[in-house]
């Protein structure tokens, strides 16, 4: 009889634990921050992979300060000097290896699944950033960014299957 009570107790404890994991999973939030690279050096129009100019370096430093108190688990960047330089200091400070992605080859459903319940930062370009945001939210809400817009940020939050998106223009 004692063995039966112990087994019943263990069964109930396991069931309760499993249900609590399920509810935690449903309540865990995914937060995706999308930014465009900082200002690039435009002195040589032939250069397809320019570095950041002085203003871009200042903006990259401002992004570092902005994300300092935001917990991030992954950082994604296209493999260009200007995007890498935009997030390099953030990655170093948070001890995160930058993961490189190709906007034209990204599998959005797999990307969302891999980053579920995580807080991530994605840096891209004036055309790829809003396009990727649109793909993730499942609607064409944002157009290509103006070529001088290096201060916009898109924040996608997903909680319990509900997705919200904000377009924020930062002050720096």
N, C-alpha and C. Protein backbone atom coordinates (compact mmCIF):
# COMPACT_ATOMS: atom_id res chain seq x y z
N UNK A 1 0.81 -1.19 0.00
CA UNK A 1 0.00 0.00 0.00
C UNK A 1 0.87 1.27 0.00
N UNK A 2 1.95 1.27 0.80
CA UNK A 2 2.85 2.41 0.82
C UNK A 2 3.49 2.62 -0.54
N UNK A 3 3.85 1.53 -1.19
CA UNK A 3 4.46 1.62 -2.52
C UNK A 3 3.49 2.25 -3.50
N UNK A 4 2.24 1.90 -3.43
CA UNK A 4 1.22 2.47 -4.30
C UNK A 4 1.09 3.98 -4.07
N UNK A 5 1.11 4.40 -2.79
CA UNK A 5 1.03 5.82 -2.47
C UNK A 5 2.25 6.58 -3.00
N UNK A 6 3.42 5.97 -2.85
CA UNK A 6 4.66 6.60 -3.34
C UNK A 6 4.60 6.73 -4.87
N UNK A 7 4.19 5.67 -5.55
CA UNK A 7 4.09 5.71 -7.01
C UNK A 7 3.06 6.75 -7.46
N UNK A 8 1.95 6.82 -6.77
CA UNK A 8 0.93 7.81 -7.09
C UNK A 8 1.47 9.23 -6.89
N UNK A 9 2.17 9.44 -5.79
CA UNK A 9 2.78 10.74 -5.51
C UNK A 9 3.78 11.11 -6.61
N UNK A 10 4.66 10.17 -6.99
CA UNK A 10 5.65 10.43 -8.04
C UNK A 10 4.98 10.74 -9.38
N UNK A 11 3.93 10.00 -9.69
CA UNK A 11 3.20 10.23 -10.93
C UNK A 11 2.61 11.64 -10.94
N UNK A 12 1.97 12.02 -9.85
CA UNK A 12 1.36 13.36 -9.76
C UNK A 12 2.43 14.45 -9.81
N UNK A 13 3.55 14.23 -9.16
CA UNK A 13 4.63 15.21 -9.17
C UNK A 13 5.17 15.39 -10.59
N UNK A 14 5.37 14.28 -11.30
CA UNK A 14 5.87 14.33 -12.68
C UNK A 14 4.86 15.05 -13.57
N UNK A 15 3.59 14.75 -13.42
CA UNK A 15 2.55 15.38 -14.22
C UNK A 15 2.52 16.88 -13.95
N UNK A 16 2.61 17.27 -12.71
CA UNK A 16 2.62 18.68 -12.35
C UNK A 16 3.84 19.39 -12.94
N UNK A 17 5.00 18.74 -12.86
CA UNK A 17 6.24 19.31 -13.39
C UNK A 17 6.12 19.49 -14.91
N UNK A 18 5.60 18.50 -15.60
CA UNK A 18 5.45 18.57 -17.06
C UNK A 18 4.49 19.70 -17.43
N UNK A 19 3.40 19.84 -16.70
CA UNK A 19 2.45 20.91 -17.00
C UNK A 19 3.07 22.27 -16.74
N UNK A 20 3.89 22.39 -15.71
CA UNK A 20 4.53 23.69 -15.43
C UNK A 20 5.52 24.03 -16.53
N UNK A 21 6.22 23.04 -17.09
CA UNK A 21 7.12 23.30 -18.21
C UNK A 21 6.34 23.79 -19.42
N UNK A 22 5.20 23.13 -19.68
CA UNK A 22 4.37 23.54 -20.81
C UNK A 22 3.89 24.97 -20.65
N UNK A 23 3.45 25.34 -19.45
CA UNK A 23 2.95 26.70 -19.25
C UNK A 23 4.08 27.71 -19.32
N UNK A 24 5.27 27.35 -18.84
CA UNK A 24 6.42 28.26 -18.96
C UNK A 24 6.75 28.49 -20.42
N UNK A 25 6.69 27.40 -21.22
CA UNK A 25 6.97 27.51 -22.64
C UNK A 25 5.96 28.43 -23.32
N UNK A 26 4.69 28.33 -22.95
CA UNK A 26 3.67 29.18 -23.54
C UNK A 26 3.85 30.63 -23.10
N UNK A 27 4.40 30.86 -21.93
CA UNK A 27 4.53 32.21 -21.42
C UNK A 27 5.87 32.84 -21.72
N UNK A 28 6.81 32.08 -22.30
CA UNK A 28 8.11 32.66 -22.60
C UNK A 28 8.01 33.51 -23.86
N UNK A 29 8.65 34.65 -23.80
CA UNK A 29 8.53 35.65 -24.85
C UNK A 29 9.73 35.60 -25.78
N UNK A 30 9.47 35.75 -27.07
CA UNK A 30 10.53 35.95 -28.05
C UNK A 30 10.57 37.43 -28.35
N UNK A 31 11.77 38.02 -28.37
CA UNK A 31 11.92 39.44 -28.70
C UNK A 31 13.02 39.54 -29.75
N UNK A 32 12.66 40.09 -30.90
CA UNK A 32 13.62 40.26 -32.00
C UNK A 32 13.80 41.75 -32.25
N UNK A 33 15.03 42.22 -32.15
CA UNK A 33 15.38 43.60 -32.44
C UNK A 33 16.04 43.63 -33.82
N UNK A 34 15.53 44.47 -34.71
CA UNK A 34 16.09 44.60 -36.05
C UNK A 34 16.57 46.03 -36.25
N UNK A 35 17.83 46.17 -36.65
CA UNK A 35 18.37 47.49 -36.97
C UNK A 35 19.08 47.41 -38.32
N UNK A 36 19.23 48.56 -38.92
CA UNK A 36 20.03 48.67 -40.13
C UNK A 36 21.44 49.05 -39.69
N UNK A 37 22.41 48.72 -40.52
CA UNK A 37 23.79 49.11 -40.20
C UNK A 37 23.88 50.62 -40.03
N UNK A 38 24.89 51.04 -39.30
CA UNK A 38 25.14 52.47 -39.09
C UNK A 38 25.67 53.09 -40.39
N UNK A 39 25.88 54.40 -40.36
CA UNK A 39 26.29 55.13 -41.56
C UNK A 39 27.59 54.59 -42.14
N UNK A 40 27.55 54.36 -43.45
CA UNK A 40 28.72 53.80 -44.13
C UNK A 40 29.53 54.90 -44.82
N UNK A 41 30.77 54.60 -45.08
CA UNK A 41 31.66 55.50 -45.82
C UNK A 41 31.21 55.51 -47.28
N UNK A 42 30.82 56.67 -47.77
CA UNK A 42 30.34 56.80 -49.15
C UNK A 42 31.37 57.50 -50.05
N UNK A 43 32.62 57.60 -49.61
CA UNK A 43 33.63 58.32 -50.37
C UNK A 43 34.02 57.62 -51.67
N UNK A 44 33.83 56.32 -51.75
CA UNK A 44 34.13 55.57 -52.96
C UNK A 44 32.89 54.80 -53.39
N UNK A 45 32.12 55.35 -54.33
CA UNK A 45 30.87 54.70 -54.76
C UNK A 45 31.08 53.31 -55.36
N UNK A 46 32.28 53.00 -55.78
CA UNK A 46 32.59 51.69 -56.37
C UNK A 46 32.76 50.60 -55.30
N UNK A 47 33.01 51.02 -54.07
CA UNK A 47 33.26 50.06 -52.99
C UNK A 47 31.94 49.42 -52.56
N UNK A 48 31.80 48.12 -52.81
CA UNK A 48 30.57 47.40 -52.46
C UNK A 48 30.56 46.92 -51.00
N UNK A 49 31.69 47.06 -50.32
CA UNK A 49 31.77 46.61 -48.93
C UNK A 49 32.47 47.66 -48.06
N UNK A 50 31.87 48.85 -47.98
CA UNK A 50 32.53 49.93 -47.21
C UNK A 50 32.44 49.70 -45.70
N UNK A 51 33.32 50.38 -45.02
CA UNK A 51 33.31 50.37 -43.55
C UNK A 51 32.42 51.53 -43.07
N UNK A 52 32.29 51.65 -41.78
CA UNK A 52 31.51 52.76 -41.22
C UNK A 52 32.31 54.05 -41.31
N UNK A 53 31.61 55.16 -41.52
CA UNK A 53 32.27 56.45 -41.44
C UNK A 53 32.28 56.89 -39.97
N UNK A 54 32.76 58.10 -39.70
CA UNK A 54 32.87 58.56 -38.32
C UNK A 54 31.50 58.61 -37.63
N UNK A 55 30.49 59.13 -38.34
CA UNK A 55 29.14 59.18 -37.77
C UNK A 55 28.62 57.77 -37.49
N UNK A 56 28.94 56.83 -38.37
CA UNK A 56 28.53 55.43 -38.18
C UNK A 56 29.19 54.81 -36.96
N UNK A 57 30.45 55.15 -36.73
CA UNK A 57 31.15 54.63 -35.54
C UNK A 57 30.51 55.16 -34.26
N UNK A 58 30.09 56.42 -34.31
CA UNK A 58 29.41 57.01 -33.15
C UNK A 58 28.06 56.32 -32.94
N UNK A 59 27.33 56.08 -34.05
CA UNK A 59 26.03 55.40 -33.93
C UNK A 59 26.22 53.98 -33.39
N UNK A 60 27.24 53.27 -33.86
CA UNK A 60 27.51 51.92 -33.36
C UNK A 60 27.77 51.95 -31.86
N UNK A 61 28.47 52.96 -31.39
CA UNK A 61 28.72 53.12 -29.96
C UNK A 61 27.40 53.41 -29.23
N UNK A 62 26.53 54.22 -29.84
CA UNK A 62 25.22 54.49 -29.24
C UNK A 62 24.38 53.22 -29.16
N UNK A 63 24.45 52.36 -30.20
CA UNK A 63 23.73 51.08 -30.14
C UNK A 63 24.28 50.24 -28.99
N UNK A 64 25.58 50.28 -28.79
CA UNK A 64 26.18 49.55 -27.67
C UNK A 64 25.55 50.01 -26.36
N UNK A 65 25.45 51.32 -26.16
CA UNK A 65 24.86 51.84 -24.93
C UNK A 65 23.38 51.48 -24.84
N UNK A 66 22.67 51.54 -25.96
CA UNK A 66 21.25 51.22 -25.98
C UNK A 66 21.02 49.77 -25.54
N UNK A 67 21.81 48.84 -26.08
CA UNK A 67 21.60 47.41 -25.80
C UNK A 67 22.32 46.93 -24.54
N UNK A 68 23.02 47.81 -23.87
CA UNK A 68 23.80 47.42 -22.69
C UNK A 68 22.94 46.71 -21.64
N UNK A 69 21.77 47.22 -21.34
CA UNK A 69 20.91 46.64 -20.30
C UNK A 69 19.86 45.67 -20.85
N UNK A 70 19.89 45.43 -22.15
CA UNK A 70 18.93 44.51 -22.75
C UNK A 70 19.59 43.15 -22.88
N UNK A 71 19.02 42.14 -22.26
CA UNK A 71 19.62 40.81 -22.37
C UNK A 71 19.47 40.26 -23.80
N UNK A 72 20.57 39.90 -24.41
CA UNK A 72 20.55 39.30 -25.75
C UNK A 72 21.18 37.93 -25.67
N UNK A 73 20.65 37.01 -26.44
CA UNK A 73 21.20 35.66 -26.47
C UNK A 73 21.90 35.34 -27.78
N UNK A 74 21.51 36.05 -28.85
CA UNK A 74 22.14 35.86 -30.16
C UNK A 74 22.19 37.18 -30.89
N UNK A 75 23.20 37.30 -31.73
CA UNK A 75 23.32 38.47 -32.60
C UNK A 75 23.58 37.95 -34.01
N UNK A 76 22.76 38.44 -34.95
CA UNK A 76 22.89 38.06 -36.36
C UNK A 76 23.31 39.27 -37.17
N UNK A 77 24.16 39.03 -38.17
CA UNK A 77 24.60 40.09 -39.06
C UNK A 77 24.83 39.52 -40.46
N UNK A 78 24.59 40.35 -41.45
CA UNK A 78 25.04 39.97 -42.78
C UNK A 78 26.56 40.08 -42.77
N UNK A 79 27.21 39.46 -43.73
CA UNK A 79 28.67 39.41 -43.73
C UNK A 79 29.27 40.57 -44.53
N UNK A 80 29.00 41.78 -44.05
CA UNK A 80 29.55 42.99 -44.65
C UNK A 80 30.22 43.81 -43.55
N UNK A 81 31.26 44.55 -43.95
CA UNK A 81 32.00 45.35 -42.97
C UNK A 81 31.08 46.24 -42.15
N UNK A 82 30.17 46.95 -42.83
CA UNK A 82 29.33 47.94 -42.13
C UNK A 82 28.36 47.31 -41.14
N UNK A 83 27.83 46.13 -41.45
CA UNK A 83 26.91 45.49 -40.50
C UNK A 83 27.68 44.89 -39.33
N UNK A 84 28.80 44.27 -39.62
CA UNK A 84 29.62 43.67 -38.56
C UNK A 84 30.11 44.75 -37.61
N UNK A 85 30.60 45.85 -38.17
CA UNK A 85 31.11 46.93 -37.32
C UNK A 85 30.00 47.56 -36.48
N UNK A 86 28.77 47.52 -36.97
CA UNK A 86 27.65 48.09 -36.21
C UNK A 86 27.40 47.31 -34.92
N UNK A 87 27.57 45.99 -34.95
CA UNK A 87 27.24 45.18 -33.76
C UNK A 87 28.44 44.54 -33.08
N UNK A 88 29.62 44.75 -33.60
CA UNK A 88 30.81 44.09 -33.05
C UNK A 88 31.02 44.40 -31.56
N UNK A 89 30.89 45.66 -31.18
CA UNK A 89 31.12 46.03 -29.78
C UNK A 89 30.05 45.44 -28.86
N UNK A 90 28.83 45.36 -29.36
CA UNK A 90 27.74 44.76 -28.57
C UNK A 90 28.06 43.29 -28.33
N UNK A 91 28.46 42.60 -29.41
CA UNK A 91 28.78 41.18 -29.31
C UNK A 91 29.94 40.94 -28.35
N UNK A 92 30.96 41.78 -28.43
CA UNK A 92 32.11 41.63 -27.54
C UNK A 92 31.72 41.85 -26.09
N UNK A 93 30.96 42.91 -25.83
CA UNK A 93 30.57 43.20 -24.45
C UNK A 93 29.70 42.10 -23.85
N UNK A 94 28.84 41.52 -24.67
CA UNK A 94 27.93 40.49 -24.18
C UNK A 94 28.50 39.08 -24.36
N UNK A 95 29.72 39.01 -24.90
CA UNK A 95 30.40 37.73 -25.12
C UNK A 95 29.54 36.78 -25.97
N UNK A 96 29.04 37.33 -27.08
CA UNK A 96 28.22 36.57 -28.03
C UNK A 96 28.95 36.53 -29.37
N UNK A 97 29.06 35.36 -29.95
CA UNK A 97 29.63 35.23 -31.28
C UNK A 97 28.59 35.66 -32.30
N UNK A 98 28.98 36.51 -33.22
CA UNK A 98 28.07 36.97 -34.26
C UNK A 98 27.78 35.80 -35.21
N UNK A 99 26.50 35.57 -35.45
CA UNK A 99 26.07 34.56 -36.43
C UNK A 99 25.76 35.27 -37.73
N UNK A 100 26.33 34.79 -38.82
CA UNK A 100 26.13 35.43 -40.12
C UNK A 100 24.96 34.79 -40.85
N UNK A 101 24.20 35.62 -41.52
CA UNK A 101 23.05 35.13 -42.28
C UNK A 101 23.02 35.81 -43.64
N UNK A 102 22.38 35.16 -44.58
CA UNK A 102 22.18 35.71 -45.91
C UNK A 102 20.69 35.98 -46.06
N UNK A 103 20.29 37.24 -46.22
CA UNK A 103 18.86 37.57 -46.29
C UNK A 103 18.11 36.82 -47.39
N UNK A 104 18.78 36.57 -48.51
CA UNK A 104 18.07 35.90 -49.59
C UNK A 104 17.98 34.39 -49.39
N UNK A 105 18.71 33.85 -48.43
CA UNK A 105 18.70 32.40 -48.20
C UNK A 105 18.06 32.00 -46.88
N UNK A 106 17.52 32.96 -46.15
CA UNK A 106 17.01 32.65 -44.82
C UNK A 106 15.67 31.90 -44.89
N UNK A 107 15.56 30.86 -44.11
CA UNK A 107 14.31 30.11 -43.96
C UNK A 107 13.62 30.71 -42.73
N UNK A 108 12.63 31.53 -42.95
CA UNK A 108 12.00 32.32 -41.89
C UNK A 108 11.38 31.43 -40.81
N UNK A 109 10.69 30.38 -41.20
CA UNK A 109 10.06 29.51 -40.20
C UNK A 109 11.11 28.83 -39.33
N UNK A 110 12.18 28.38 -39.94
CA UNK A 110 13.27 27.76 -39.18
C UNK A 110 13.95 28.80 -38.28
N UNK A 111 14.13 30.02 -38.80
CA UNK A 111 14.73 31.11 -38.03
C UNK A 111 13.89 31.40 -36.79
N UNK A 112 12.58 31.49 -36.95
CA UNK A 112 11.70 31.75 -35.81
C UNK A 112 11.77 30.60 -34.80
N UNK A 113 11.79 29.39 -35.31
CA UNK A 113 11.84 28.21 -34.44
C UNK A 113 13.16 28.16 -33.66
N UNK A 114 14.28 28.44 -34.34
CA UNK A 114 15.60 28.41 -33.69
C UNK A 114 15.73 29.47 -32.60
N UNK A 115 15.01 30.56 -32.75
CA UNK A 115 15.15 31.69 -31.82
C UNK A 115 13.93 31.87 -30.92
N UNK A 116 13.08 30.86 -30.86
CA UNK A 116 11.89 30.91 -30.01
C UNK A 116 12.29 31.12 -28.55
N UNK A 117 11.58 31.98 -27.90
CA UNK A 117 11.79 32.29 -26.47
C UNK A 117 13.15 32.91 -26.20
N UNK A 118 13.71 33.56 -27.20
CA UNK A 118 15.01 34.19 -27.04
C UNK A 118 14.89 35.69 -27.31
N UNK A 119 15.92 36.41 -26.92
CA UNK A 119 16.05 37.82 -27.22
C UNK A 119 17.24 37.95 -28.16
N UNK A 120 16.98 38.41 -29.39
CA UNK A 120 18.04 38.46 -30.39
C UNK A 120 18.11 39.83 -31.05
N UNK A 121 19.27 40.11 -31.62
CA UNK A 121 19.50 41.33 -32.38
C UNK A 121 19.90 40.93 -33.79
N UNK A 122 19.27 41.56 -34.78
CA UNK A 122 19.57 41.28 -36.19
C UNK A 122 19.91 42.60 -36.86
N UNK A 123 21.07 42.66 -37.51
CA UNK A 123 21.45 43.86 -38.24
C UNK A 123 21.48 43.53 -39.73
N UNK A 124 20.90 44.44 -40.52
CA UNK A 124 20.83 44.22 -41.95
C UNK A 124 20.96 45.52 -42.72
N UNK A 125 20.16 45.65 -43.75
CA UNK A 125 20.28 46.75 -44.70
C UNK A 125 18.93 47.42 -44.92
N UNK A 126 18.92 48.52 -45.68
CA UNK A 126 17.70 49.30 -45.87
C UNK A 126 16.59 48.50 -46.55
N UNK A 127 16.96 47.54 -47.38
CA UNK A 127 15.94 46.73 -48.04
C UNK A 127 15.68 45.42 -47.30
N UNK A 128 16.71 44.80 -46.73
CA UNK A 128 16.54 43.48 -46.12
C UNK A 128 15.90 43.54 -44.74
N UNK A 129 16.15 44.60 -43.99
CA UNK A 129 15.62 44.67 -42.63
C UNK A 129 14.09 44.71 -42.62
N UNK A 130 13.44 45.65 -43.32
CA UNK A 130 11.98 45.65 -43.30
C UNK A 130 11.39 44.41 -43.98
N UNK A 131 12.07 43.89 -44.99
CA UNK A 131 11.59 42.69 -45.67
C UNK A 131 11.56 41.49 -44.72
N UNK A 132 12.62 41.34 -43.92
CA UNK A 132 12.69 40.24 -42.96
C UNK A 132 11.65 40.42 -41.86
N UNK A 133 11.46 41.64 -41.40
CA UNK A 133 10.42 41.92 -40.40
C UNK A 133 9.05 41.52 -40.96
N UNK A 134 8.76 41.91 -42.20
CA UNK A 134 7.49 41.55 -42.83
C UNK A 134 7.31 40.04 -42.91
N UNK A 135 8.36 39.32 -43.26
CA UNK A 135 8.28 37.86 -43.36
C UNK A 135 7.99 37.23 -41.99
N UNK A 136 8.62 37.75 -40.96
CA UNK A 136 8.43 37.18 -39.63
C UNK A 136 7.02 37.45 -39.09
N UNK A 137 6.49 38.65 -39.34
CA UNK A 137 5.15 38.95 -38.84
C UNK A 137 4.05 38.43 -39.77
N UNK A 138 4.44 38.02 -40.97
CA UNK A 138 3.48 37.43 -41.89
C UNK A 138 2.59 38.41 -42.61
N UNK A 139 3.04 39.65 -42.76
CA UNK A 139 2.28 40.65 -43.52
C UNK A 139 3.23 41.71 -44.06
N UNK A 140 2.85 42.32 -45.16
CA UNK A 140 3.68 43.37 -45.76
C UNK A 140 3.28 44.70 -45.15
N UNK A 141 3.95 45.03 -44.06
CA UNK A 141 3.61 46.23 -43.30
C UNK A 141 4.63 47.35 -43.52
N UNK A 142 5.88 47.00 -43.77
CA UNK A 142 6.94 48.01 -43.86
C UNK A 142 7.58 48.00 -45.24
N UNK A 143 7.85 49.19 -45.74
CA UNK A 143 8.52 49.36 -47.03
C UNK A 143 10.03 49.48 -46.81
N UNK A 144 10.76 49.44 -47.91
CA UNK A 144 12.20 49.64 -47.86
C UNK A 144 12.50 50.94 -47.11
N UNK A 145 13.54 50.92 -46.32
CA UNK A 145 13.92 52.10 -45.54
C UNK A 145 14.60 53.12 -46.44
N UNK A 146 14.47 54.38 -46.09
CA UNK A 146 15.18 55.44 -46.78
C UNK A 146 16.68 55.19 -46.62
N UNK A 147 17.45 55.50 -47.64
CA UNK A 147 18.88 55.21 -47.60
C UNK A 147 19.62 56.00 -46.53
N UNK A 148 19.03 57.06 -46.03
CA UNK A 148 19.67 57.84 -44.96
C UNK A 148 19.14 57.46 -43.58
N UNK A 149 18.28 56.47 -43.51
CA UNK A 149 17.69 56.05 -42.23
C UNK A 149 18.57 54.98 -41.59
N UNK A 150 19.38 55.42 -40.65
CA UNK A 150 20.23 54.49 -39.89
C UNK A 150 19.81 54.44 -38.43
N UNK A 151 18.69 55.06 -38.11
CA UNK A 151 18.29 55.15 -36.71
C UNK A 151 17.02 54.37 -36.38
N UNK A 152 16.42 53.74 -37.38
CA UNK A 152 15.20 52.97 -37.12
C UNK A 152 15.50 51.63 -36.48
N UNK A 153 14.58 51.20 -35.67
CA UNK A 153 14.65 49.87 -35.07
C UNK A 153 13.24 49.29 -35.10
N UNK A 154 13.17 48.02 -35.43
CA UNK A 154 11.91 47.28 -35.39
C UNK A 154 12.02 46.28 -34.26
N UNK A 155 10.98 46.20 -33.44
CA UNK A 155 10.96 45.26 -32.33
C UNK A 155 9.75 44.36 -32.49
N UNK A 156 10.02 43.07 -32.63
CA UNK A 156 8.94 42.07 -32.72
C UNK A 156 8.92 41.30 -31.42
N UNK A 157 7.74 41.21 -30.84
CA UNK A 157 7.55 40.42 -29.63
C UNK A 157 6.51 39.35 -29.92
N UNK A 158 6.81 38.13 -29.49
CA UNK A 158 5.83 37.06 -29.60
C UNK A 158 5.66 36.43 -28.24
N UNK A 159 4.43 36.44 -27.78
CA UNK A 159 4.09 35.86 -26.48
C UNK A 159 2.79 35.09 -26.64
N UNK A 160 2.84 33.83 -26.30
CA UNK A 160 1.67 32.95 -26.37
C UNK A 160 1.00 33.01 -27.75
N UNK A 161 1.84 33.04 -28.80
CA UNK A 161 1.32 33.03 -30.16
C UNK A 161 0.87 34.38 -30.69
N UNK A 162 0.86 35.41 -29.85
CA UNK A 162 0.46 36.75 -30.29
C UNK A 162 1.69 37.56 -30.65
N UNK A 163 1.71 38.12 -31.85
CA UNK A 163 2.86 38.88 -32.35
C UNK A 163 2.52 40.36 -32.38
N UNK A 164 3.43 41.17 -31.82
CA UNK A 164 3.31 42.62 -31.94
C UNK A 164 4.60 43.15 -32.55
N UNK A 165 4.50 44.25 -33.26
CA UNK A 165 5.69 44.84 -33.87
C UNK A 165 5.63 46.36 -33.69
N UNK A 166 6.78 46.92 -33.37
CA UNK A 166 6.91 48.37 -33.22
C UNK A 166 8.00 48.86 -34.15
N UNK A 167 7.79 50.01 -34.75
CA UNK A 167 8.83 50.68 -35.52
C UNK A 167 9.23 51.90 -34.71
N UNK A 168 10.45 51.90 -34.24
CA UNK A 168 10.94 52.95 -33.35
C UNK A 168 12.05 53.71 -34.06
N UNK A 169 11.96 55.02 -34.04
CA UNK A 169 13.05 55.83 -34.57
C UNK A 169 13.81 56.37 -33.37
N UNK A 170 15.05 55.92 -33.24
CA UNK A 170 15.84 56.30 -32.07
C UNK A 170 16.33 57.74 -32.20
N UNK A 171 16.80 58.29 -31.10
CA UNK A 171 17.22 59.68 -31.07
C UNK A 171 18.67 59.88 -31.53
N UNK A 172 19.41 58.80 -31.64
CA UNK A 172 20.81 58.99 -32.03
C UNK A 172 21.03 58.69 -33.46
